[in-house]
Each structure stands twice: as structure tokens, then as C-alpha cells.
Amino acid sequence: MKSSGSLGDSSSGQIGIGSVVRWKRLGKEENLGMVYELYTAKMGGRQVKKAKVASFRNATHYDLLLIELKLVTKGLPQ
């Protein structure tokens, strides 16, 4: 079997620092926010891409899997 990269690698090419994203949690309203940090974490024995996002709705900071996020507006190139 071919070894793959981190879970969320394909999304990490689109979403970057400063990107505006949306996400929805089960049973909750959709949320909108801006990514301020991207990192890789080990979960369940596998590397996964995660993002720290500041919500526009309630000024709360969320720690989310990159695969949960939908890109609204791309951030500035770094």
C-alpha cells in the first residue's frame, strides 16, 4: 500500500493564514471565521492538518480539522 501524507493535505493547498472559512457542527448553525494558524497534530496514530480559527459570529477561537472547513475567500499569499 502506498503511504499517504497527513489527513487534510489536499485542503492545505487552498486554505492558508488569513483565509475566510465556514464550517458547521452537528445540530448548530453555520459559522464563519478567519484562519490565524495552521499546524499538524497526531491523532489516533495519524498525522492530521488542523487550523485555529477566530469566529466572526461570537469572537470565539476554534481548533478545527482542515477537512471540516469550506473556503469562502483565500488569504493573502505568504
C-alpha atoms as a PDB file:
ATOM      1  CA  MET A   1       0.000   0.000   0.000  1.00  0.00           C
ATOM      2  CA  LYS A   2       1.225   3.479  -0.852  1.00  0.00           C
ATOM      3  CA  SER A   3       1.920   5.756   2.105  1.00  0.00           C
ATOM      4  CA  SER A   4      -0.105   8.964   2.132  1.00  0.00           C
ATOM      5  CA  GLY A   5       0.611  12.324   3.749  1.00  0.00           C
ATOM      6  CA  SER A   6      -1.341  13.925   6.550  1.00  0.00           C
ATOM      7  CA  LEU A   7      -5.119  13.844   6.587  1.00  0.00           C
ATOM      8  CA  GLY A   8      -6.144  17.200   5.145  1.00  0.00           C
ATOM      9  CA  ASP A   9      -3.058  17.694   2.915  1.00  0.00           C
ATOM     10  CA  SER A  10      -5.232  18.327  -0.152  1.00  0.00           C
ATOM     11  CA  SER A  11      -7.112  21.131   1.649  1.00  0.00           C
ATOM     12  CA  SER A  12      -3.940  22.759   2.939  1.00  0.00           C
ATOM     13  CA  GLY A  13      -3.035  23.961  -0.561  1.00  0.00           C
ATOM     14  CA  GLN A  14      -6.184  26.100  -0.711  1.00  0.00           C
ATOM     15  CA  ILE A  15      -6.653  27.281   2.865  1.00  0.00           C
ATOM     16  CA  GLY A  16      -3.960  29.456   4.426  1.00  0.00           C
ATOM     17  CA  ILE A  17      -3.397  32.079   7.098  1.00  0.00           C
ATOM     18  CA  GLY A  18      -5.914  34.889   6.579  1.00  0.00           C
ATOM     19  CA  SER A  19      -8.403  32.730   4.657  1.00  0.00           C
ATOM     20  CA  VAL A  20     -12.069  33.249   5.470  1.00  0.00           C
ATOM     21  CA  VAL A  21     -13.734  29.879   6.008  1.00  0.00           C
ATOM     22  CA  ARG A  22     -17.092  28.445   7.011  1.00  0.00           C
ATOM     23  CA  TRP A  23     -17.952  25.298   8.924  1.00  0.00           C
ATOM     24  CA  LYS A  24     -20.908  23.648  10.597  1.00  0.00           C
ATOM     25  CA  ARG A  25     -21.113  21.470  13.680  1.00  0.00           C
ATOM     26  CA  LEU A  26     -23.856  18.864  14.016  1.00  0.00           C
ATOM     27  CA  GLY A  27     -27.056  20.494  15.237  1.00  0.00           C
ATOM     28  CA  LYS A  28     -25.589  24.014  15.187  1.00  0.00           C
ATOM     29  CA  GLU A  29     -25.781  26.986  12.812  1.00  0.00           C
ATOM     30  CA  GLU A  30     -23.098  27.531  10.188  1.00  0.00           C
ATOM     31  CA  ASN A  31     -20.177  29.612  11.407  1.00  0.00           C
ATOM     32  CA  LEU A  32     -17.805  31.983   9.595  1.00  0.00           C
ATOM     33  CA  GLY A  33     -14.291  32.944  10.648  1.00  0.00           C
ATOM     34  CA  MET A  34     -10.666  33.611   9.713  1.00  0.00           C
ATOM     35  CA  VAL A  35      -7.739  31.178   9.925  1.00  0.00           C
ATOM     36  CA  TYR A  36      -4.854  32.505  12.030  1.00  0.00           C
ATOM     37  CA  GLU A  37      -2.734  29.357  12.478  1.00  0.00           C
ATOM     38  CA  LEU A  38      -2.178  26.070  10.604  1.00  0.00           C
ATOM     39  CA  TYR A  39      -0.400  23.077  12.101  1.00  0.00           C
ATOM     40  CA  THR A  40      -0.105  19.281  12.022  1.00  0.00           C
ATOM     41  CA  ALA A  41      -1.100  17.156  15.031  1.00  0.00           C
ATOM     42  CA  LYS A  42      -1.025  13.442  15.744  1.00  0.00           C
ATOM     43  CA  MET A  43      -4.497  11.993  16.374  1.00  0.00           C
ATOM     44  CA  GLY A  44      -5.312   8.304  16.565  1.00  0.00           C
ATOM     45  CA  GLY A  45      -1.845   7.384  15.348  1.00  0.00           C
ATOM     46  CA  ARG A  46      -2.135   9.527  12.218  1.00  0.00           C
ATOM     47  CA  GLN A  47      -0.908  12.997  11.281  1.00  0.00           C
ATOM     48  CA  VAL A  48      -3.788  15.423  10.609  1.00  0.00           C
ATOM     49  CA  LYS A  49      -3.831  19.049   9.464  1.00  0.00           C
ATOM     50  CA  LYS A  50      -5.605  21.429  11.841  1.00  0.00           C
ATOM     51  CA  ALA A  51      -6.403  25.137  11.911  1.00  0.00           C
ATOM     52  CA  LYS A  52      -7.049  27.691  14.607  1.00  0.00           C
ATOM     53  CA  VAL A  53      -9.935  29.890  13.519  1.00  0.00           C
ATOM     54  CA  ALA A  54     -11.355  33.089  15.036  1.00  0.00           C
ATOM     55  CA  SER A  55     -15.131  33.207  14.620  1.00  0.00           C
ATOM     56  CA  PHE A  56     -16.760  36.367  13.260  1.00  0.00           C
ATOM     57  CA  ARG A  57     -20.050  35.425  14.936  1.00  0.00           C
ATOM     58  CA  ASN A  58     -19.047  35.274  18.591  1.00  0.00           C
ATOM     59  CA  ALA A  59     -15.303  36.117  18.774  1.00  0.00           C
ATOM     60  CA  THR A  60     -14.570  32.567  19.948  1.00  0.00           C
ATOM     61  CA  HIS A  61     -11.436  30.701  18.864  1.00  0.00           C
ATOM     62  CA  TYR A  62     -11.912  27.209  17.432  1.00  0.00           C
ATOM     63  CA  ASP A  63      -9.431  24.386  16.863  1.00  0.00           C
ATOM     64  CA  LEU A  64     -10.733  22.531  13.765  1.00  0.00           C
ATOM     65  CA  LEU A  65      -9.673  19.828  11.347  1.00  0.00           C
ATOM     66  CA  LEU A  66      -8.843  21.310   7.947  1.00  0.00           C
ATOM     67  CA  ILE A  67     -11.208  18.863   6.238  1.00  0.00           C
ATOM     68  CA  GLU A  68     -14.128  20.413   8.202  1.00  0.00           C
ATOM     69  CA  LEU A  69     -13.565  23.835   6.596  1.00  0.00           C
ATOM     70  CA  LYS A  70     -15.006  25.249   3.384  1.00  0.00           C
ATOM     71  CA  LEU A  71     -13.075  28.092   1.757  1.00  0.00           C
ATOM     72  CA  VAL A  72     -15.007  31.375   1.335  1.00  0.00           C
ATOM     73  CA  THR A  73     -12.137  33.745   0.469  1.00  0.00           C
ATOM     74  CA  LYS A  74      -8.479  32.851   0.070  1.00  0.00           C
ATOM     75  CA  GLY A  75      -5.955  34.629   2.299  1.00  0.00           C
ATOM     76  CA  LEU A  76      -3.031  36.666   1.017  1.00  0.00           C
ATOM     77  CA  PRO A  77      -0.049  34.694  -0.308  1.00  0.00           C
ATOM     78  CA  GLN A  78       2.777  34.296   2.201  1.00  0.00           C
END
